[in-house]
């Protein structure tokens, strides 16, 4: 297990805290590699099998019903898609 994965697993960070750690790592890697840091990376669209898309749509609808904001639901959906790869 990589150090940052171990750190994130051992510390109960919020989503924003988790993002801050990963942003720091990306910025440091860019600096160390003498590359320009890109704040926003283009999101690639990856199609999931139909049964996963249906499950994710149901998942999204449940959180909309609970009153989650669109940005929150989109973020949860993004994390779910990350686990499916």
C-alpha atoms as a PDB file:
ATOM      1  CA  UNK A   1       0.000   0.000   0.000  1.00  0.00           C
ATOM      2  CA  UNK A   2       1.323   3.431  -0.911  1.00  0.00           C
ATOM      3  CA  UNK A   3       1.915   5.933   1.885  1.00  0.00           C
ATOM      4  CA  UNK A   4      -0.877   8.316   0.852  1.00  0.00           C
ATOM      5  CA  UNK A   5      -3.362   5.428   0.593  1.00  0.00           C
ATOM      6  CA  UNK A   6      -2.345   4.272   4.074  1.00  0.00           C
ATOM      7  CA  UNK A   7      -2.613   7.837   5.413  1.00  0.00           C
ATOM      8  CA  UNK A   8      -6.084   8.290   3.946  1.00  0.00           C
ATOM      9  CA  UNK A   9      -7.220   4.912   5.266  1.00  0.00           C
ATOM     10  CA  UNK A  10      -5.920   5.587   8.798  1.00  0.00           C
ATOM     11  CA  UNK A  11      -7.237   9.168   9.097  1.00  0.00           C
ATOM     12  CA  UNK A  12     -10.913   9.922   9.021  1.00  0.00           C
ATOM     13  CA  UNK A  13     -10.804  12.808   6.547  1.00  0.00           C
ATOM     14  CA  UNK A  14     -13.744  14.589   5.022  1.00  0.00           C
ATOM     15  CA  UNK A  15     -14.119  14.557   1.256  1.00  0.00           C
ATOM     16  CA  UNK A  16     -12.549  18.010   1.055  1.00  0.00           C
ATOM     17  CA  UNK A  17      -9.656  16.859   3.259  1.00  0.00           C
ATOM     18  CA  UNK A  18      -9.154  13.835   1.046  1.00  0.00           C
ATOM     19  CA  UNK A  19      -9.121  16.083  -2.036  1.00  0.00           C
ATOM     20  CA  UNK A  20      -6.654  18.460  -0.375  1.00  0.00           C
ATOM     21  CA  UNK A  21      -4.192  15.605   0.233  1.00  0.00           C
ATOM     22  CA  UNK A  22      -4.483  14.378  -3.356  1.00  0.00           C
ATOM     23  CA  UNK A  23      -4.166  17.929  -4.714  1.00  0.00           C
ATOM     24  CA  UNK A  24      -0.998  18.433  -2.686  1.00  0.00           C
ATOM     25  CA  UNK A  25       0.453  15.177  -4.027  1.00  0.00           C
ATOM     26  CA  UNK A  26      -0.393  16.125  -7.621  1.00  0.00           C
ATOM     27  CA  UNK A  27       1.073  19.622  -7.220  1.00  0.00           C
ATOM     28  CA  UNK A  28       4.220  18.266  -5.593  1.00  0.00           C
ATOM     29  CA  UNK A  29       4.644  15.639  -8.318  1.00  0.00           C
ATOM     30  CA  UNK A  30       4.282  18.310 -10.998  1.00  0.00           C
ATOM     31  CA  UNK A  31       6.824  20.538  -9.239  1.00  0.00           C
ATOM     32  CA  UNK A  32       9.257  17.647  -8.730  1.00  0.00           C
ATOM     33  CA  UNK A  33       8.891  16.569 -12.369  1.00  0.00           C
ATOM     34  CA  UNK A  34       9.309  20.171 -13.553  1.00  0.00           C
ATOM     35  CA  UNK A  35       5.894  20.048 -15.211  1.00  0.00           C
ATOM     36  CA  UNK A  36       3.124  22.602 -15.234  1.00  0.00           C
ATOM     37  CA  UNK A  37       0.403  21.787 -12.716  1.00  0.00           C
ATOM     38  CA  UNK A  38      -3.007  21.537 -14.356  1.00  0.00           C
ATOM     39  CA  UNK A  39      -5.789  22.578 -11.980  1.00  0.00           C
ATOM     40  CA  UNK A  40      -8.612  20.963 -13.900  1.00  0.00           C
ATOM     41  CA  UNK A  41      -8.102  17.747 -15.759  1.00  0.00           C
ATOM     42  CA  UNK A  42     -10.437  16.883 -18.591  1.00  0.00           C
ATOM     43  CA  UNK A  43     -12.942  14.277 -17.517  1.00  0.00           C
ATOM     44  CA  UNK A  44     -13.176  11.395 -19.890  1.00  0.00           C
ATOM     45  CA  UNK A  45     -16.539   9.795 -20.413  1.00  0.00           C
ATOM     46  CA  UNK A  46     -16.440   6.102 -19.790  1.00  0.00           C
ATOM     47  CA  UNK A  47     -19.467   3.982 -20.509  1.00  0.00           C
ATOM     48  CA  UNK A  48     -20.391   1.328 -18.002  1.00  0.00           C
ATOM     49  CA  UNK A  49     -22.318  -1.827 -18.775  1.00  0.00           C
ATOM     50  CA  UNK A  50     -26.067  -1.186 -18.874  1.00  0.00           C
ATOM     51  CA  UNK A  51     -26.783  -2.895 -15.522  1.00  0.00           C
ATOM     52  CA  UNK A  52     -24.304  -0.581 -13.743  1.00  0.00           C
ATOM     53  CA  UNK A  53     -25.763   2.519 -15.376  1.00  0.00           C
ATOM     54  CA  UNK A  54     -29.229   1.501 -14.183  1.00  0.00           C
ATOM     55  CA  UNK A  55     -27.905   0.920 -10.651  1.00  0.00           C
ATOM     56  CA  UNK A  56     -26.123   4.291 -10.640  1.00  0.00           C
ATOM     57  CA  UNK A  57     -29.227   6.077 -11.902  1.00  0.00           C
ATOM     58  CA  UNK A  58     -31.235   4.493  -9.073  1.00  0.00           C
ATOM     59  CA  UNK A  59     -28.470   5.459  -6.629  1.00  0.00           C
ATOM     60  CA  UNK A  60     -28.549   9.069  -7.875  1.00  0.00           C
ATOM     61  CA  UNK A  61     -32.337   9.269  -7.615  1.00  0.00           C
ATOM     62  CA  UNK A  62     -32.240   8.022  -4.010  1.00  0.00           C
ATOM     63  CA  UNK A  63     -29.819  10.766  -2.960  1.00  0.00           C
ATOM     64  CA  UNK A  64     -31.791  13.449  -4.830  1.00  0.00           C
ATOM     65  CA  UNK A  65     -34.863  12.304  -2.882  1.00  0.00           C
ATOM     66  CA  UNK A  66     -32.882  12.631   0.365  1.00  0.00           C
ATOM     67  CA  UNK A  67     -32.232  16.263  -0.532  1.00  0.00           C
ATOM     68  CA  UNK A  68     -28.599  16.053  -1.656  1.00  0.00           C
ATOM     69  CA  UNK A  69     -27.462  18.812  -3.987  1.00  0.00           C
ATOM     70  CA  UNK A  70     -26.640  18.029  -7.601  1.00  0.00           C
ATOM     71  CA  UNK A  71     -22.902  18.553  -7.004  1.00  0.00           C
ATOM     72  CA  UNK A  72     -22.957  16.101  -4.082  1.00  0.00           C
ATOM     73  CA  UNK A  73     -24.797  13.450  -6.091  1.00  0.00           C
ATOM     74  CA  UNK A  74     -22.429  13.952  -9.034  1.00  0.00           C
ATOM     75  CA  UNK A  75     -19.428  13.499  -6.730  1.00  0.00           C
ATOM     76  CA  UNK A  76     -20.851  10.301  -5.209  1.00  0.00           C
ATOM     77  CA  UNK A  77     -21.579   9.000  -8.698  1.00  0.00           C
ATOM     78  CA  UNK A  78     -18.010   9.801  -9.787  1.00  0.00           C
ATOM     79  CA  UNK A  79     -16.568   7.851  -6.820  1.00  0.00           C
ATOM     80  CA  UNK A  80     -18.790   4.875  -7.607  1.00  0.00           C
ATOM     81  CA  UNK A  81     -17.627   4.840 -11.215  1.00  0.00           C
ATOM     82  CA  UNK A  82     -14.035   4.915  -9.979  1.00  0.00           C
ATOM     83  CA  UNK A  83     -14.580   1.739  -7.954  1.00  0.00           C
ATOM     84  CA  UNK A  84     -16.069  -0.081 -10.927  1.00  0.00           C
ATOM     85  CA  UNK A  85     -12.882   0.197 -12.984  1.00  0.00           C
END
